[in-house]
Amino acid sequence: MNTAQLSRDITEMAKPNAFAHPSLRDYLDPANGPCGSLLAPAFQLEFADYDELTARGDVDGAPIVLPVNTEPQADSLRSIRATHAMGLIVAVTNDLTGHSTYFAIRSGANFVVNIAISIERQAEPLRAQLLDHVRSARDNRRPPRDVMTARRAPELPRSRNLVPAREVRRPAPSTLDDFDTRLLRMLRTSMTVAEIARHNYLSERSMYRRIRNLYDTMGVHSRAELVRSAPRDDAPAPRTMYRSRPAS
């Protein structure tokens, strides 16, 4: 599949969003930027700094393009990866030594674009990965209509005693199996998905799938929300020195 066909295929998906750090504006400029052909015109590109990328809920799952030429930038990428575990993160480096590329991959980048190398040699593999990511994300969010119809539960009569859906879907820790319980603890640390995958002897793709399943089980949409919703079951229980006297 050539680049033009990939561009048409992605465009037919109603221009999915992609986000980039403002420092890459000149690099991603469609007219004169050295990386201008990577996202335009197939993606609706929006620029956002690290704080915005961390705080905005509509970023989760979208491709994110970040510069990685220093260790602090690699640390920022690691922070973005911790927040958006399912996002496809593309690092842009200007790297002849290989150090920046190593930092980017170590910090959780899915793909590295090195402007020290001809962009034409990197464009098609990247666009193919972007297309696969967009298709997978939309397939996960939109099950076939017949499946939705078959799984639709009968309507229940309205009652003031009904529990909100999010509370019903969120299980107690005791209902999670050992793997999900261990995965939950790891996601609450600063470990990247790549490190968690290596620790569990899984590929990153398989680990992303297990994380998405855990999101669905817990009824959340991002790693940050998962961390907030997770009970601190590893914290020691407070000790009670005196027993309270029952109210008379």
Protein backbone atom coordinates (compact mmCIF):
# COMPACT_ATOMS: atom_id res chain seq x y z
CA MET A 1 0.00 0.00 0.00
CA ASN A 2 1.57 3.31 -1.05
CA THR A 3 1.59 6.59 0.86
CA ALA A 4 -1.16 8.17 -1.26
CA GLN A 5 -3.48 5.22 -0.61
CA LEU A 6 -2.74 5.34 3.12
CA SER A 7 -3.55 9.05 3.13
CA ARG A 8 -6.87 8.43 1.36
CA ASP A 9 -7.77 5.61 3.75
CA ILE A 10 -7.13 7.73 6.82
CA THR A 11 -8.96 10.71 5.29
CA GLU A 12 -12.03 8.54 4.75
CA MET A 13 -12.16 8.09 8.53
CA ALA A 14 -13.29 11.73 8.91
CA LYS A 15 -9.88 13.18 9.82
CA PRO A 16 -8.98 11.78 13.23
CA ASN A 17 -7.25 14.13 15.66
CA ALA A 18 -3.52 14.15 16.28
CA PHE A 19 -1.64 16.26 18.83
CA ALA A 20 1.87 17.70 18.77
CA HIS A 21 4.05 19.79 21.07
CA PRO A 22 4.25 23.47 19.95
CA SER A 23 8.04 23.24 19.57
CA LEU A 24 7.44 20.99 16.54
CA ARG A 25 5.27 23.51 14.70
CA ASP A 26 7.99 24.36 12.14
CA TYR A 27 8.94 20.70 11.66
CA LEU A 28 5.31 19.67 11.00
CA ASP A 29 4.46 22.64 8.77
CA PRO A 30 2.86 21.07 5.65
CA ALA A 31 4.49 23.61 3.32
CA ASN A 32 8.11 23.83 4.47
CA GLY A 33 8.61 21.57 7.47
CA PRO A 34 10.94 18.57 7.15
CA CYS A 35 8.20 16.38 8.70
CA GLY A 36 5.27 18.18 7.09
CA SER A 37 4.20 15.15 5.05
CA LEU A 38 3.85 12.81 8.02
CA LEU A 39 0.44 13.92 9.31
CA ALA A 40 -0.98 16.41 6.78
CA PRO A 41 -3.48 16.26 5.22
CA ALA A 42 -4.84 13.03 6.72
CA PHE A 43 -4.98 14.17 10.36
CA GLN A 44 -6.52 17.19 12.07
CA LEU A 45 -3.37 18.40 13.85
CA GLU A 46 -3.59 20.39 17.09
CA PHE A 47 -0.69 21.77 19.12
CA ALA A 48 -0.70 21.39 22.92
CA ASP A 49 2.00 21.67 25.58
CA TYR A 50 2.80 18.97 28.14
CA ASP A 51 0.31 20.25 30.75
CA GLU A 52 -2.53 20.34 28.20
CA LEU A 53 -1.67 16.88 26.91
CA THR A 54 -1.81 15.56 30.46
CA ALA A 55 -5.05 17.31 31.45
CA ARG A 56 -7.24 16.98 28.34
CA GLY A 57 -9.46 13.93 28.16
CA ASP A 58 -9.86 13.98 24.37
CA VAL A 59 -6.14 13.26 23.89
CA ASP A 60 -6.35 9.69 25.20
CA GLY A 61 -6.01 7.24 22.32
CA ALA A 62 -5.00 9.87 19.72
CA PRO A 63 -1.53 9.99 18.10
CA ILE A 64 0.81 12.34 19.98
CA VAL A 65 4.02 13.78 18.48
CA LEU A 66 6.72 14.94 20.93
CA PRO A 67 10.33 16.15 20.62
CA VAL A 68 12.99 14.03 22.28
CA ASN A 69 16.47 15.53 22.00
CA THR A 70 17.28 15.81 25.72
CA GLU A 71 16.75 13.69 28.82
CA PRO A 72 14.19 16.17 30.28
CA GLN A 73 12.16 15.84 27.07
CA ALA A 74 12.37 12.06 27.43
CA ASP A 75 11.08 12.42 31.01
CA SER A 76 8.17 14.53 29.72
CA LEU A 77 7.36 11.83 27.16
CA ARG A 78 7.40 9.23 29.96
CA SER A 79 4.90 11.35 31.91
CA ILE A 80 2.61 11.64 28.88
CA ARG A 81 2.84 7.87 28.36
CA ALA A 82 1.86 7.28 31.99
CA THR A 83 -1.26 9.40 31.48
CA HIS A 84 -2.23 8.11 28.02
CA ALA A 85 -1.35 4.43 28.12
CA MET A 86 -3.24 3.61 24.91
CA GLY A 87 -2.00 6.54 22.84
CA LEU A 88 0.40 6.14 19.91
CA ILE A 89 3.36 8.39 20.74
CA VAL A 90 5.74 9.47 17.97
CA ALA A 91 9.08 10.96 19.05
CA VAL A 92 10.90 13.39 16.75
CA THR A 93 14.69 13.46 17.16
CA ASN A 94 17.68 14.96 15.38
CA ASP A 95 19.96 12.14 16.30
CA LEU A 96 23.21 10.95 14.74
CA THR A 97 24.51 9.20 17.88
CA GLY A 98 21.48 7.07 18.73
CA HIS A 99 21.22 8.41 22.30
CA SER A 100 18.01 10.39 21.76
CA THR A 101 16.41 7.49 19.93
CA TYR A 102 17.27 5.20 22.85
CA PHE A 103 15.85 7.69 25.37
CA ALA A 104 12.64 8.01 23.32
CA ILE A 105 12.05 4.27 23.07
CA ARG A 106 12.99 3.73 26.71
CA SER A 107 10.45 6.39 27.73
CA GLY A 108 7.59 4.71 25.86
CA ALA A 109 7.59 6.04 22.28
CA ASN A 110 5.96 3.71 19.75
CA PHE A 111 7.80 5.23 16.80
CA VAL A 112 10.82 7.51 16.36
CA VAL A 113 11.20 9.92 13.43
CA ASN A 114 14.83 10.98 13.05
CA ILE A 115 15.14 14.14 10.95
CA ALA A 116 18.85 13.36 10.54
CA ILE A 117 17.67 10.62 8.16
CA SER A 118 15.65 11.13 4.97
CA ILE A 119 12.00 11.60 5.92
CA GLU A 120 10.86 9.77 2.77
CA ARG A 121 12.41 6.56 4.13
CA GLN A 122 10.45 6.90 7.38
CA ALA A 123 7.11 8.31 6.22
CA GLU A 124 5.40 5.19 4.88
CA PRO A 125 6.14 2.87 7.86
CA LEU A 126 4.92 5.58 10.23
CA ARG A 127 1.73 6.28 8.28
CA ALA A 128 1.03 2.54 8.12
CA GLN A 129 1.35 2.32 11.91
CA LEU A 130 -0.86 5.39 12.38
CA LEU A 131 -3.52 3.89 10.13
CA ASP A 132 -3.43 0.59 12.03
CA HIS A 133 -3.69 2.45 15.35
CA VAL A 134 -6.67 4.55 14.21
CA ARG A 135 -8.50 1.53 12.84
CA SER A 136 -7.89 -0.50 16.01
CA ALA A 137 -9.04 2.36 18.25
CA ARG A 138 -12.27 2.83 16.28
CA ASP A 139 -12.95 -0.88 16.14
CA ASN A 140 -12.63 -1.04 19.94
CA ARG A 141 -14.98 1.90 20.45
CA ARG A 142 -17.61 0.88 17.87
CA PRO A 143 -18.70 -2.77 17.98
CA PRO A 144 -20.77 -4.02 15.00
CA ARG A 145 -24.40 -2.95 15.06
CA ASP A 146 -25.68 -6.54 15.18
CA VAL A 147 -23.47 -7.25 18.20
CA MET A 148 -24.74 -4.14 19.95
CA THR A 149 -28.33 -5.19 19.26
CA ALA A 150 -27.76 -8.75 20.41
CA ARG A 151 -26.14 -7.67 23.66
CA ARG A 152 -28.61 -4.94 24.53
CA ALA A 153 -30.14 -5.70 27.90
CA PRO A 154 -33.87 -5.25 28.48
CA GLU A 155 -34.81 -1.90 29.97
CA LEU A 156 -35.33 -1.90 33.72
CA PRO A 157 -38.05 0.17 35.36
CA ARG A 158 -36.75 3.43 36.73
CA SER A 159 -36.17 3.42 40.44
CA ARG A 160 -34.57 5.76 42.92
CA ASN A 161 -32.70 2.78 44.33
CA LEU A 162 -30.78 2.01 41.13
CA VAL A 163 -27.02 2.36 41.47
CA PRO A 164 -25.26 4.56 38.81
CA ALA A 165 -23.78 2.55 35.92
CA ARG A 166 -20.16 3.50 36.69
CA GLU A 167 -20.47 2.22 40.26
CA VAL A 168 -22.01 -1.04 39.06
CA ARG A 169 -19.19 -1.65 36.56
CA ARG A 170 -16.36 -0.95 38.98
CA PRO A 171 -15.56 -4.25 40.74
CA ALA A 172 -14.14 -4.72 44.17
CA PRO A 173 -10.42 -5.63 44.22
CA SER A 174 -11.29 -9.15 45.34
CA THR A 175 -13.03 -9.82 41.99
CA LEU A 176 -9.87 -9.11 39.94
CA ASP A 177 -7.62 -12.05 39.09
CA ASP A 178 -3.98 -12.12 40.15
CA PHE A 179 -2.69 -10.73 36.85
CA ASP A 180 -5.08 -7.74 36.82
CA THR A 181 -4.35 -7.03 40.48
CA ARG A 182 -0.61 -7.02 39.78
CA LEU A 183 -1.14 -4.94 36.62
CA LEU A 184 -3.19 -2.43 38.61
CA ARG A 185 -0.32 -1.99 41.09
CA MET A 186 2.20 -1.50 38.26
CA LEU A 187 0.03 1.09 36.52
CA ARG A 188 -0.02 3.10 39.74
CA THR A 189 3.77 3.44 39.55
CA SER A 190 5.96 5.40 37.09
CA MET A 191 6.69 2.26 35.03
CA THR A 192 6.14 2.63 31.29
CA VAL A 193 3.95 0.19 29.39
CA ALA A 194 7.10 -1.19 27.73
CA GLU A 195 8.65 -1.92 31.13
CA ILE A 196 5.43 -3.52 32.40
CA ALA A 197 5.27 -5.67 29.26
CA ARG A 198 8.86 -6.86 29.69
CA HIS A 199 8.25 -7.58 33.37
CA ASN A 200 5.31 -9.83 32.42
CA TYR A 201 7.04 -11.39 29.37
CA LEU A 202 4.46 -9.95 26.95
CA SER A 203 4.71 -7.80 23.84
CA GLU A 204 3.71 -4.15 24.13
CA ARG A 205 0.73 -4.77 21.82
CA SER A 206 -0.52 -7.57 24.08
CA MET A 207 0.04 -5.42 27.16
CA TYR A 208 -1.96 -2.53 25.64
CA ARG A 209 -4.80 -5.00 25.03
CA ARG A 210 -4.69 -6.19 28.66
CA ILE A 211 -4.65 -2.59 29.89
CA ARG A 212 -7.67 -1.73 27.71
CA ASN A 213 -9.51 -4.78 29.11
CA LEU A 214 -8.69 -3.60 32.63
CA TYR A 215 -10.01 -0.11 31.73
CA ASP A 216 -13.27 -1.69 30.58
CA THR A 217 -13.50 -3.83 33.71
CA MET A 218 -12.91 -0.88 36.00
CA GLY A 219 -15.18 1.44 33.99
CA VAL A 220 -12.52 4.09 33.30
CA HIS A 221 -11.08 5.71 30.18
CA SER A 222 -7.48 6.62 31.02
CA ARG A 223 -4.58 5.59 33.21
CA ALA A 224 -4.99 8.69 35.38
CA GLU A 225 -8.65 7.85 36.00
CA LEU A 226 -7.70 4.24 36.71
CA VAL A 227 -5.16 5.35 39.31
CA ARG A 228 -7.69 7.67 40.98
CA SER A 229 -10.34 4.94 41.08
CA ALA A 230 -8.05 2.18 42.33
CA PRO A 231 -8.36 1.45 46.06
CA ARG A 232 -5.11 1.73 47.96
CA ASP A 233 -5.25 -1.88 49.04
CA ASP A 234 -1.49 -2.00 49.61
CA ALA A 235 -1.59 0.74 52.25
CA PRO A 236 -1.51 -0.48 55.85
CA ALA A 237 -4.77 -0.18 57.69
CA PRO A 238 -4.80 2.46 60.45
CA ARG A 239 -4.45 1.03 63.95
CA THR A 240 -7.25 1.67 66.41
CA MET A 241 -6.06 2.20 69.96
CA TYR A 242 -9.44 2.68 71.62
CA ARG A 243 -12.79 1.17 70.87
CA SER A 244 -15.50 3.77 70.48
CA ARG A 245 -18.37 3.57 72.92
CA PRO A 246 -21.79 2.91 71.30
CA ALA A 247 -24.08 5.89 71.25
CA SER A 248 -26.66 5.81 74.01
